[in-house]
Amino acid sequence: THAHYDDEAFDQDRDLLLKSMKDNNIEYVINVAASLKSV
């Protein structure tokens, strides 16, 4: 319920990570904004 996968720390593997969620037992994610840019 609280993630920040838009953060630059995930730039290298973001797509791979998010696509692997259900295979790792994670059904839903809420990416929480913190600024206008992250909205």
PDB file of all heavy atoms in Angstrom:
ATOM      1  N   THR A   1       0.801  -1.235   0.000  1.00  0.00           N
ATOM      2  CA  THR A   1       0.000   0.000   0.000  1.00  0.00           C
ATOM      3  C   THR A   1       0.825   1.272   0.000  1.00  0.00           C
ATOM      4  O   THR A   1       0.258   2.360  -0.016  1.00  0.00           O
ATOM      5  CB  THR A   1      -0.935   0.027   1.228  1.00  0.00           C
ATOM      6  OG1 THR A   1      -0.142   0.062   2.424  1.00  0.00           O
ATOM      7  CG2 THR A   1      -1.855  -1.176   1.236  1.00  0.00           C
ATOM      8  N   HIS A   2       2.158   1.151   0.047  1.00  0.00           N
ATOM      9  CA  HIS A   2       2.969   2.376   0.059  1.00  0.00           C
ATOM     10  C   HIS A   2       4.318   2.097  -0.589  1.00  0.00           C
ATOM     11  O   HIS A   2       5.217   1.542   0.035  1.00  0.00           O
ATOM     12  CB  HIS A   2       3.161   2.883   1.487  1.00  0.00           C
ATOM     13  CG  HIS A   2       3.689   4.278   1.564  1.00  0.00           C
ATOM     14  ND1 HIS A   2       3.129   5.242   2.358  1.00  0.00           N
ATOM     15  CD2 HIS A   2       4.736   4.878   0.939  1.00  0.00           C
ATOM     16  CE1 HIS A   2       3.787   6.371   2.226  1.00  0.00           C
ATOM     17  NE2 HIS A   2       4.785   6.170   1.366  1.00  0.00           N
ATOM     18  N   ALA A   3       4.449   2.495  -1.848  1.00  0.00           N
ATOM     19  CA  ALA A   3       5.690   2.286  -2.585  1.00  0.00           C
ATOM     20  C   ALA A   3       6.060   3.551  -3.342  1.00  0.00           C
ATOM     21  O   ALA A   3       5.222   4.432  -3.590  1.00  0.00           O
ATOM     22  CB  ALA A   3       5.529   1.124  -3.554  1.00  0.00           C
ATOM     23  N   HIS A   4       7.339   3.637  -3.714  1.00  0.00           N
ATOM     24  CA  HIS A   4       7.840   4.773  -4.511  1.00  0.00           C
ATOM     25  C   HIS A   4       8.701   4.220  -5.650  1.00  0.00           C
ATOM     26  O   HIS A   4       9.880   4.533  -5.764  1.00  0.00           O
ATOM     27  CB  HIS A   4       8.652   5.733  -3.633  1.00  0.00           C
ATOM     28  CG  HIS A   4       7.884   6.377  -2.536  1.00  0.00           C
ATOM     29  ND1 HIS A   4       6.958   7.385  -2.764  1.00  0.00           N
ATOM     30  CD2 HIS A   4       7.883   6.168  -1.204  1.00  0.00           C
ATOM     31  CE1 HIS A   4       6.430   7.767  -1.608  1.00  0.00           C
ATOM     32  NE2 HIS A   4       6.974   7.036  -0.646  1.00  0.00           N
ATOM     33  N   TYR A   5       8.103   3.414  -6.504  1.00  0.00           N
ATOM     34  CA  TYR A   5       8.854   2.778  -7.574  1.00  0.00           C
ATOM     35  C   TYR A   5       9.194   3.725  -8.718  1.00  0.00           C
ATOM     36  O   TYR A   5       9.933   3.339  -9.642  1.00  0.00           O
ATOM     37  CB  TYR A   5       8.096   1.555  -8.101  1.00  0.00           C
ATOM     38  CG  TYR A   5       8.034   0.433  -7.090  1.00  0.00           C
ATOM     39  CD1 TYR A   5       6.817  -0.010  -6.585  1.00  0.00           C
ATOM     40  CD2 TYR A   5       9.201  -0.159  -6.626  1.00  0.00           C
ATOM     41  CE1 TYR A   5       6.771  -1.020  -5.640  1.00  0.00           C
ATOM     42  CE2 TYR A   5       9.155  -1.179  -5.683  1.00  0.00           C
ATOM     43  CZ  TYR A   5       7.938  -1.601  -5.192  1.00  0.00           C
ATOM     44  OH  TYR A   5       7.888  -2.606  -4.251  1.00  0.00           O
ATOM     45  N   ASP A   6       8.695   4.948  -8.674  1.00  0.00           N
ATOM     46  CA  ASP A   6       9.108   5.951  -9.647  1.00  0.00           C
ATOM     47  C   ASP A   6      10.430   6.602  -9.253  1.00  0.00           C
ATOM     48  O   ASP A   6      11.003   7.375 -10.027  1.00  0.00           O
ATOM     49  CB  ASP A   6       8.037   7.027  -9.810  1.00  0.00           C
ATOM     50  CG  ASP A   6       7.699   7.732  -8.504  1.00  0.00           C
ATOM     51  OD1 ASP A   6       7.651   7.054  -7.454  1.00  0.00           O
ATOM     52  OD2 ASP A   6       7.477   8.958  -8.533  1.00  0.00           O
ATOM     53  N   ASP A   7      10.939   6.298  -8.062  1.00  0.00           N
ATOM     54  CA  ASP A   7      12.203   6.859  -7.593  1.00  0.00           C
ATOM     55  C   ASP A   7      13.347   6.434  -8.514  1.00  0.00           C
ATOM     56  O   ASP A   7      13.347   5.326  -9.059  1.00  0.00           O
ATOM     57  CB  ASP A   7      12.466   6.378  -6.163  1.00  0.00           C
ATOM     58  CG  ASP A   7      13.651   7.092  -5.530  1.00  0.00           C
ATOM     59  OD1 ASP A   7      14.799   6.640  -5.758  1.00  0.00           O
ATOM     60  OD2 ASP A   7      13.440   8.084  -4.813  1.00  0.00           O
ATOM     61  N   GLU A   8      14.328   7.310  -8.662  1.00  0.00           N
ATOM     62  CA  GLU A   8      15.455   7.036  -9.562  1.00  0.00           C
ATOM     63  C   GLU A   8      16.258   5.806  -9.142  1.00  0.00           C
ATOM     64  O   GLU A   8      16.976   5.216  -9.959  1.00  0.00           O
ATOM     65  CB  GLU A   8      16.382   8.251  -9.617  1.00  0.00           C
ATOM     66  CG  GLU A   8      17.014   8.626  -8.300  1.00  0.00           C
ATOM     67  CD  GLU A   8      17.878   9.868  -8.391  1.00  0.00           C
ATOM     68  OE1 GLU A   8      17.836  10.554  -9.434  1.00  0.00           O
ATOM     69  OE2 GLU A   8      18.597  10.151  -7.418  1.00  0.00           O
ATOM     70  N   ALA A   9      16.124   5.386  -7.898  1.00  0.00           N
ATOM     71  CA  ALA A   9      16.829   4.188  -7.441  1.00  0.00           C
ATOM     72  C   ALA A   9      16.404   2.950  -8.228  1.00  0.00           C
ATOM     73  O   ALA A   9      17.135   1.952  -8.274  1.00  0.00           O
ATOM     74  CB  ALA A   9      16.584   3.972  -5.951  1.00  0.00           C
ATOM     75  N   PHE A  10      15.211   2.999  -8.855  1.00  0.00           N
ATOM     76  CA  PHE A  10      14.698   1.855  -9.609  1.00  0.00           C
ATOM     77  C   PHE A  10      14.863   2.021 -11.122  1.00  0.00           C
ATOM     78  O   PHE A  10      14.324   1.228 -11.889  1.00  0.00           O
ATOM     79  CB  PHE A  10      13.218   1.638  -9.277  1.00  0.00           C
ATOM     80  CG  PHE A  10      12.961   1.313  -7.832  1.00  0.00           C
ATOM     81  CD1 PHE A  10      12.526   2.298  -6.957  1.00  0.00           C
ATOM     82  CD2 PHE A  10      13.175   0.039  -7.337  1.00  0.00           C
ATOM     83  CE1 PHE A  10      12.301   2.014  -5.617  1.00  0.00           C
ATOM     84  CE2 PHE A  10      12.954  -0.258  -6.004  1.00  0.00           C
ATOM     85  CZ  PHE A  10      12.520   0.736  -5.142  1.00  0.00           C
ATOM     86  N   ASP A  11      15.617   3.021 -11.546  1.00  0.00           N
ATOM     87  CA  ASP A  11      15.737   3.287 -12.975  1.00  0.00           C
ATOM     88  C   ASP A  11      16.313   2.105 -13.755  1.00  0.00           C
ATOM     89  O   ASP A  11      15.940   1.877 -14.905  1.00  0.00           O
ATOM     90  CB  ASP A  11      16.614   4.527 -13.218  1.00  0.00           C
ATOM     91  CG  ASP A  11      15.877   5.831 -12.919  1.00  0.00           C
ATOM     92  OD1 ASP A  11      14.654   5.794 -12.691  1.00  0.00           O
ATOM     93  OD2 ASP A  11      16.540   6.886 -12.924  1.00  0.00           O
ATOM     94  N   GLN A  12      17.218   1.359 -13.148  1.00  0.00           N
ATOM     95  CA  GLN A  12      17.901   0.286 -13.872  1.00  0.00           C
ATOM     96  C   GLN A  12      17.044  -0.965 -14.041  1.00  0.00           C
ATOM     97  O   GLN A  12      17.203  -1.690 -15.027  1.00  0.00           O
ATOM     98  CB  GLN A  12      19.203  -0.079 -13.146  1.00  0.00           C
ATOM     99  CG  GLN A  12      20.202   1.052 -13.059  1.00  0.00           C
ATOM    100  CD  GLN A  12      20.622   1.559 -14.428  1.00  0.00           C
ATOM    101  OE1 GLN A  12      20.906   0.773 -15.334  1.00  0.00           O
ATOM    102  NE2 GLN A  12      20.638   2.878 -14.597  1.00  0.00           N
ATOM    103  N   ASP A  13      16.137  -1.220 -13.101  1.00  0.00           N
ATOM    104  CA  ASP A  13      15.402  -2.491 -13.153  1.00  0.00           C
ATOM    105  C   ASP A  13      13.911  -2.339 -12.844  1.00  0.00           C
ATOM    106  O   ASP A  13      13.248  -3.307 -12.481  1.00  0.00           O
ATOM    107  CB  ASP A  13      16.020  -3.496 -12.184  1.00  0.00           C
ATOM    108  CG  ASP A  13      16.012  -3.004 -10.732  1.00  0.00           C
ATOM    109  OD1 ASP A  13      15.603  -1.851 -10.489  1.00  0.00           O
ATOM    110  OD2 ASP A  13      16.418  -3.782  -9.844  1.00  0.00           O
ATOM    111  N   ARG A  14      13.374  -1.140 -12.985  1.00  0.00           N
ATOM    112  CA  ARG A  14      11.979  -0.880 -12.608  1.00  0.00           C
ATOM    113  C   ARG A  14      11.006  -1.798 -13.358  1.00  0.00           C
ATOM    114  O   ARG A  14      10.111  -2.392 -12.763  1.00  0.00           O
ATOM    115  CB  ARG A  14      11.626   0.588 -12.867  1.00  0.00           C
ATOM    116  CG  ARG A  14      10.195   0.957 -12.467  1.00  0.00           C
ATOM    117  CD  ARG A  14       9.894   2.415 -12.783  1.00  0.00           C
ATOM    118  NE  ARG A  14      10.736   3.309 -11.996  1.00  0.00           N
ATOM    119  CZ  ARG A  14      11.740   4.024 -12.503  1.00  0.00           C
ATOM    120  NH1 ARG A  14      12.037   3.947 -13.808  1.00  0.00           N
ATOM    121  NH2 ARG A  14      12.446   4.814 -11.726  1.00  0.00           N
ATOM    122  N   ASP A  15      11.152  -1.886 -14.662  1.00  0.00           N
ATOM    123  CA  ASP A  15      10.210  -2.677 -15.463  1.00  0.00           C
ATOM    124  C   ASP A  15      10.278  -4.156 -15.074  1.00  0.00           C
ATOM    125  O   ASP A  15       9.239  -4.800 -14.887  1.00  0.00           O
ATOM    126  CB  ASP A  15      10.526  -2.508 -16.948  1.00  0.00           C
ATOM    127  CG  ASP A  15       9.517  -3.212 -17.837  1.00  0.00           C
ATOM    128  OD1 ASP A  15       8.325  -2.829 -17.803  1.00  0.00           O
ATOM    129  OD2 ASP A  15       9.907  -4.141 -18.561  1.00  0.00           O
ATOM    130  N   LEU A  16      11.474  -4.666 -14.924  1.00  0.00           N
ATOM    131  CA  LEU A  16      11.651  -6.067 -14.519  1.00  0.00           C
ATOM    132  C   LEU A  16      11.038  -6.313 -13.154  1.00  0.00           C
ATOM    133  O   LEU A  16      10.353  -7.325 -12.931  1.00  0.00           O
ATOM    134  CB  LEU A  16      13.142  -6.414 -14.511  1.00  0.00           C
ATOM    135  CG  LEU A  16      13.508  -7.843 -14.099  1.00  0.00           C
ATOM    136  CD1 LEU A  16      12.954  -8.844 -15.111  1.00  0.00           C
ATOM    137  CD2 LEU A  16      15.026  -7.979 -13.983  1.00  0.00           C
ATOM    138  N   LEU A  17      11.278  -5.380 -12.232  1.00  0.00           N
ATOM    139  CA  LEU A  17      10.764  -5.533 -10.871  1.00  0.00           C
ATOM    140  C   LEU A  17       9.242  -5.543 -10.851  1.00  0.00           C
ATOM    141  O   LEU A  17       8.617  -6.425 -10.251  1.00  0.00           O
ATOM    142  CB  LEU A  17      11.295  -4.388 -10.000  1.00  0.00           C
ATOM    143  CG  LEU A  17      10.788  -4.342  -8.561  1.00  0.00           C
ATOM    144  CD1 LEU A  17      11.269  -5.551  -7.787  1.00  0.00           C
ATOM    145  CD2 LEU A  17      11.230  -3.059  -7.883  1.00  0.00           C
ATOM    146  N   LEU A  18       8.628  -4.571 -11.521  1.00  0.00           N
ATOM    147  CA  LEU A  18       7.173  -4.463 -11.486  1.00  0.00           C
ATOM    148  C   LEU A  18       6.507  -5.630 -12.213  1.00  0.00           C
ATOM    149  O   LEU A  18       5.441  -6.093 -11.797  1.00  0.00           O
ATOM    150  CB  LEU A  18       6.725  -3.129 -12.074  1.00  0.00           C
ATOM    151  CG  LEU A  18       7.054  -1.910 -11.204  1.00  0.00           C
ATOM    152  CD1 LEU A  18       6.747  -0.609 -11.932  1.00  0.00           C
ATOM    153  CD2 LEU A  18       6.281  -1.963  -9.890  1.00  0.00           C
ATOM    154  N   LYS A  19       7.115  -6.106 -13.254  1.00  0.00           N
ATOM    155  CA  LYS A  19       6.547  -7.247 -13.972  1.00  0.00           C
ATOM    156  C   LYS A  19       6.680  -8.546 -13.183  1.00  0.00           C
ATOM    157  O   LYS A  19       5.951  -9.508 -13.446  1.00  0.00           O
ATOM    158  CB  LYS A  19       7.222  -7.393 -15.337  1.00  0.00           C
ATOM    159  CG  LYS A  19       6.776  -6.352 -16.349  1.00  0.00           C
ATOM    160  CD  LYS A  19       7.471  -6.536 -17.686  1.00  0.00           C
ATOM    161  CE  LYS A  19       6.963  -5.522 -18.706  1.00  0.00           C
ATOM    162  NZ  LYS A  19       7.680  -5.667 -20.013  1.00  0.00           N
ATOM    163  N   SER A  20       7.599  -8.581 -12.227  1.00  0.00           N
ATOM    164  CA  SER A  20       7.809  -9.805 -11.450  1.00  0.00           C
ATOM    165  C   SER A  20       6.959  -9.853 -10.181  1.00  0.00           C
ATOM    166  O   SER A  20       7.005 -10.842  -9.446  1.00  0.00           O
ATOM    167  CB  SER A  20       9.287  -9.909 -11.060  1.00  0.00           C
ATOM    168  OG  SER A  20       9.627  -8.928 -10.088  1.00  0.00           O
ATOM    169  N   MET A  21       6.178  -8.813  -9.915  1.00  0.00           N
ATOM    170  CA  MET A  21       5.441  -8.721  -8.651  1.00  0.00           C
ATOM    171  C   MET A  21       4.532  -9.923  -8.404  1.00  0.00           C
ATOM    172  O   MET A  21       4.584 -10.548  -7.342  1.00  0.00           O
ATOM    173  CB  MET A  21       4.608  -7.434  -8.612  1.00  0.00           C
ATOM    174  CG  MET A  21       5.414  -6.162  -8.505  1.00  0.00           C
ATOM    175  SD  MET A  21       6.195  -6.023  -6.904  1.00  0.00           S
ATOM    176  CE  MET A  21       6.940  -4.415  -7.024  1.00  0.00           C
ATOM    177  N   LYS A  22       3.691 -10.257  -9.355  1.00  0.00           N
ATOM    178  CA  LYS A  22       2.725 -11.337  -9.118  1.00  0.00           C
ATOM    179  C   LYS A  22       3.410 -12.686  -8.964  1.00  0.00           C
ATOM    180  O   LYS A  22       2.931 -13.544  -8.219  1.00  0.00           O
ATOM    181  CB  LYS A  22       1.682 -11.360 -10.236  1.00  0.00           C
ATOM    182  CG  LYS A  22       0.742 -10.168 -10.187  1.00  0.00           C
ATOM    183  CD  LYS A  22      -0.523 -10.369 -10.982  1.00  0.00           C
ATOM    184  CE  LYS A  22      -1.478  -9.208 -10.779  1.00  0.00           C
ATOM    185  NZ  LYS A  22      -2.758  -9.391 -11.483  1.00  0.00           N
ATOM    186  N   ASP A  23       4.530 -12.857  -9.642  1.00  0.00           N
ATOM    187  CA  ASP A  23       5.287 -14.093  -9.468  1.00  0.00           C
ATOM    188  C   ASP A  23       5.888 -14.183  -8.072  1.00  0.00           C
ATOM    189  O   ASP A  23       6.267 -15.275  -7.628  1.00  0.00           O
ATOM    190  CB  ASP A  23       6.406 -14.181 -10.504  1.00  0.00           C
ATOM    191  CG  ASP A  23       5.871 -14.398 -11.909  1.00  0.00           C
ATOM    192  OD1 ASP A  23       4.740 -14.908 -12.032  1.00  0.00           O
ATOM    193  OD2 ASP A  23       6.576 -14.050 -12.867  1.00  0.00           O
ATOM    194  N   ASN A  24       5.974 -13.059  -7.395  1.00  0.00           N
ATOM    195  CA  ASN A  24       6.525 -13.015  -6.039  1.00  0.00           C
ATOM    196  C   ASN A  24       5.459 -12.722  -4.991  1.00  0.00           C
ATOM    197  O   ASN A  24       5.725 -12.174  -3.932  1.00  0.00           O
ATOM    198  CB  ASN A  24       7.652 -11.975  -5.965  1.00  0.00           C
ATOM    199  CG  ASN A  24       8.897 -12.429  -6.686  1.00  0.00           C
ATOM    200  OD1 ASN A  24       9.654 -13.245  -6.184  1.00  0.00           O
ATOM    201  ND2 ASN A  24       9.095 -11.924  -7.897  1.00  0.00           N
ATOM    202  N   ASN A  25       4.209 -13.069  -5.346  1.00  0.00           N
ATOM    203  CA  ASN A  25       3.112 -13.034  -4.372  1.00  0.00           C
ATOM    204  C   ASN A  25       2.615 -11.630  -4.029  1.00  0.00           C
ATOM    205  O   ASN A  25       2.000 -11.413  -2.996  1.00  0.00           O
ATOM    206  CB  ASN A  25       3.520 -13.754  -3.082  1.00  0.00           C
ATOM    207  CG  ASN A  25       2.374 -14.567  -2.506  1.00  0.00           C
ATOM    208  OD1 ASN A  25       1.591 -15.144  -3.250  1.00  0.00           O
ATOM    209  ND2 ASN A  25       2.269 -14.613  -1.194  1.00  0.00           N
ATOM    210  N   ILE A  26       2.895 -10.655  -4.893  1.00  0.00           N
ATOM    211  CA  ILE A  26       2.409  -9.287  -4.677  1.00  0.00           C
ATOM    212  C   ILE A  26       1.359  -8.994  -5.741  1.00  0.00           C
ATOM    213  O   ILE A  26       1.662  -8.912  -6.932  1.00  0.00           O
ATOM    214  CB  ILE A  26       3.553  -8.257  -4.742  1.00  0.00           C
ATOM    215  CG1 ILE A  26       4.586  -8.571  -3.665  1.00  0.00           C
ATOM    216  CG2 ILE A  26       3.022  -6.833  -4.575  1.00  0.00           C
ATOM    217  CD1 ILE A  26       5.851  -7.756  -3.754  1.00  0.00           C
ATOM    218  N   GLU A  27       0.116  -8.832  -5.308  1.00  0.00           N
ATOM    219  CA  GLU A  27      -0.992  -8.718  -6.254  1.00  0.00           C
ATOM    220  C   GLU A  27      -1.232  -7.281  -6.699  1.00  0.00           C
ATOM    221  O   GLU A  27      -1.513  -7.027  -7.874  1.00  0.00           O
ATOM    222  CB  GLU A  27      -2.270  -9.272  -5.620  1.00  0.00           C
ATOM    223  CG  GLU A  27      -3.415  -9.402  -6.601  1.00  0.00           C
ATOM    224  CD  GLU A  27      -4.556 -10.231  -6.039  1.00  0.00           C
ATOM    225  OE1 GLU A  27      -4.570 -10.493  -4.822  1.00  0.00           O
ATOM    226  OE2 GLU A  27      -5.434 -10.616  -6.827  1.00  0.00           O
ATOM    227  N   TYR A  28      -1.141  -6.325  -5.767  1.00  0.00           N
ATOM    228  CA  TYR A  28      -1.396  -4.919  -6.084  1.00  0.00           C
ATOM    229  C   TYR A  28      -0.364  -4.024  -5.414  1.00  0.00           C
ATOM    230  O   TYR A  28       0.183  -4.362  -4.355  1.00  0.00           O
ATOM    231  CB  TYR A  28      -2.791  -4.494  -5.628  1.00  0.00           C
ATOM    232  CG  TYR A  28      -3.918  -5.249  -6.296  1.00  0.00           C
ATOM    233  CD1 TYR A  28      -4.672  -6.167  -5.575  1.00  0.00           C
ATOM    234  CD2 TYR A  28      -4.222  -5.046  -7.640  1.00  0.00           C
ATOM    235  CE1 TYR A  28      -5.707  -6.876  -6.183  1.00  0.00           C
ATOM    236  CE2 TYR A  28      -5.246  -5.742  -8.254  1.00  0.00           C
ATOM    237  CZ  TYR A  28      -5.991  -6.654  -7.516  1.00  0.00           C
ATOM    238  OH  TYR A  28      -7.001  -7.356  -8.117  1.00  0.00           O
ATOM    239  N   VAL A  29      -0.138  -2.867  -6.027  1.00  0.00           N
ATOM    240  CA  VAL A  29       0.797  -1.870  -5.495  1.00  0.00           C
ATOM    241  C   VAL A  29       0.155  -0.489  -5.611  1.00  0.00           C
ATOM    242  O   VAL A  29      -0.467  -0.174  -6.634  1.00  0.00           O
ATOM    243  CB  VAL A  29       2.124  -1.865  -6.287  1.00  0.00           C
ATOM    244  CG1 VAL A  29       3.037  -0.732  -5.817  1.00  0.00           C
ATOM    245  CG2 VAL A  29       2.833  -3.200  -6.170  1.00  0.00           C
ATOM    246  N   ILE A  30       0.294   0.317  -4.562  1.00  0.00           N
ATOM    247  CA  ILE A  30      -0.048   1.738  -4.665  1.00  0.00           C
ATOM    248  C   ILE A  30       1.246   2.528  -4.653  1.00  0.00           C
ATOM    249  O   ILE A  30       1.995   2.505  -3.669  1.00  0.00           O
ATOM    250  CB  ILE A  30      -0.957   2.212  -3.519  1.00  0.00           C
ATOM    251  CG1 ILE A  30      -2.295   1.486  -3.561  1.00  0.00           C
ATOM    252  CG2 ILE A  30      -1.189   3.723  -3.610  1.00  0.00           C
ATOM    253  CD1 ILE A  30      -3.273   1.915  -2.485  1.00  0.00           C
ATOM    254  N   ASN A  31       1.542   3.197  -5.756  1.00  0.00           N
ATOM    255  CA  ASN A  31       2.717   4.064  -5.815  1.00  0.00           C
ATOM    256  C   ASN A  31       2.307   5.447  -5.326  1.00  0.00           C
ATOM    257  O   ASN A  31       1.443   6.099  -5.897  1.00  0.00           O
ATOM    258  CB  ASN A  31       3.263   4.140  -7.243  1.00  0.00           C
ATOM    259  CG  ASN A  31       4.721   4.516  -7.262  1.00  0.00           C
ATOM    260  OD1 ASN A  31       5.590   3.676  -7.041  1.00  0.00           O
ATOM    261  ND2 ASN A  31       5.022   5.790  -7.489  1.00  0.00           N
ATOM    262  N   VAL A  32       2.923   5.882  -4.247  1.00  0.00           N
ATOM    263  CA  VAL A  32       2.494   7.093  -3.548  1.00  0.00           C
ATOM    264  C   VAL A  32       3.332   8.287  -3.982  1.00  0.00           C
ATOM    265  O   VAL A  32       4.566   8.269  -3.878  1.00  0.00           O
ATOM    266  CB  VAL A  32       2.595   6.896  -2.023  1.00  0.00           C
ATOM    267  CG1 VAL A  32       2.114   8.139  -1.297  1.00  0.00           C
ATOM    268  CG2 VAL A  32       1.784   5.679  -1.593  1.00  0.00           C
ATOM    269  N   ALA A  33       2.663   9.319  -4.443  1.00  0.00           N
ATOM    270  CA  ALA A  33       3.358  10.541  -4.877  1.00  0.00           C
ATOM    271  C   ALA A  33       3.843  11.341  -3.674  1.00  0.00           C
ATOM    272  O   ALA A  33       3.282  11.251  -2.578  1.00  0.00           O
ATOM    273  CB  ALA A  33       2.434  11.396  -5.732  1.00  0.00           C
ATOM    274  N   ALA A  34       4.889  12.143  -3.898  1.00  0.00           N
ATOM    275  CA  ALA A  34       5.406  13.008  -2.845  1.00  0.00           C
ATOM    276  C   ALA A  34       5.624  14.440  -3.333  1.00  0.00           C
ATOM    277  O   ALA A  34       5.860  15.334  -2.530  1.00  0.00           O
ATOM    278  CB  ALA A  34       6.721  12.447  -2.309  1.00  0.00           C
ATOM    279  N   SER A  35       5.515  14.649  -4.624  1.00  0.00           N
ATOM    280  CA  SER A  35       5.722  15.968  -5.225  1.00  0.00           C
ATOM    281  C   SER A  35       4.865  16.062  -6.481  1.00  0.00           C
ATOM    282  O   SER A  35       4.281  15.069  -6.917  1.00  0.00           O
ATOM    283  CB  SER A  35       7.196  16.165  -5.585  1.00  0.00           C
ATOM    284  OG  SER A  35       7.571  15.227  -6.587  1.00  0.00           O
ATOM    285  N   LEU A  36       4.818  17.239  -7.076  1.00  0.00           N
ATOM    286  CA  LEU A  36       4.064  17.380  -8.313  1.00  0.00           C
ATOM    287  C   LEU A  36       4.671  16.508  -9.413  1.00  0.00           C
ATOM    288  O   LEU A  36       3.949  15.906 -10.217  1.00  0.00           O
ATOM    289  CB  LEU A  36       4.032  18.843  -8.744  1.00  0.00           C
ATOM    290  CG  LEU A  36       3.212  19.773  -7.848  1.00  0.00           C
ATOM    291  CD1 LEU A  36       3.395  21.220  -8.265  1.00  0.00           C
ATOM    292  CD2 LEU A  36       1.730  19.391  -7.888  1.00  0.00           C
ATOM    293  N   LYS A  37       5.997  16.434  -9.448  1.00  0.00           N
ATOM    294  CA  LYS A  37       6.659  15.586 -10.436  1.00  0.00           C
ATOM    295  C   LYS A  37       6.270  14.125 -10.244  1.00  0.00           C
ATOM    296  O   LYS A  37       5.974  13.416 -11.208  1.00  0.00           O
ATOM    297  CB  LYS A  37       8.178  15.742 -10.333  1.00  0.00           C
ATOM    298  CG  LYS A  37       8.948  14.867 -11.308  1.00  0.00           C
ATOM    299  CD  LYS A  37      10.448  15.019 -11.134  1.00  0.00           C
ATOM    300  CE  LYS A  37      11.203  14.100 -12.078  1.00  0.00           C
ATOM    301  NZ  LYS A  37      12.681  14.221 -11.893  1.00  0.00           N
ATOM    302  N   SER A  38       6.247  13.680  -8.985  1.00  0.00           N
ATOM    303  CA  SER A  38       5.929  12.266  -8.747  1.00  0.00           C
ATOM    304  C   SER A  38       4.440  11.966  -8.867  1.00  0.00           C
ATOM    305  O   SER A  38       4.055  10.809  -8.995  1.00  0.00           O
ATOM    306  CB  SER A  38       6.468  11.808  -7.385  1.00  0.00           C
ATOM    307  OG  SER A  38       5.880  12.518  -6.329  1.00  0.00           O
ATOM    308  N   VAL A  39       3.587  12.998  -8.827  1.00  0.00           N
ATOM    309  CA  VAL A  39       2.172  12.799  -9.175  1.00  0.00           C
ATOM    310  C   VAL A  39       2.107  12.276 -10.609  1.00  0.00           C
ATOM    311  O   VAL A  39       1.422  11.293 -10.914  1.00  0.00           O
ATOM    312  CB  VAL A  39       1.372  14.105  -9.032  1.00  0.00           C
ATOM    313  CG1 VAL A  39       0.013  13.980  -9.722  1.00  0.00           C
ATOM    314  CG2 VAL A  39       1.177  14.453  -7.559  1.00  0.00           C
TER     315      VAL A  39
END
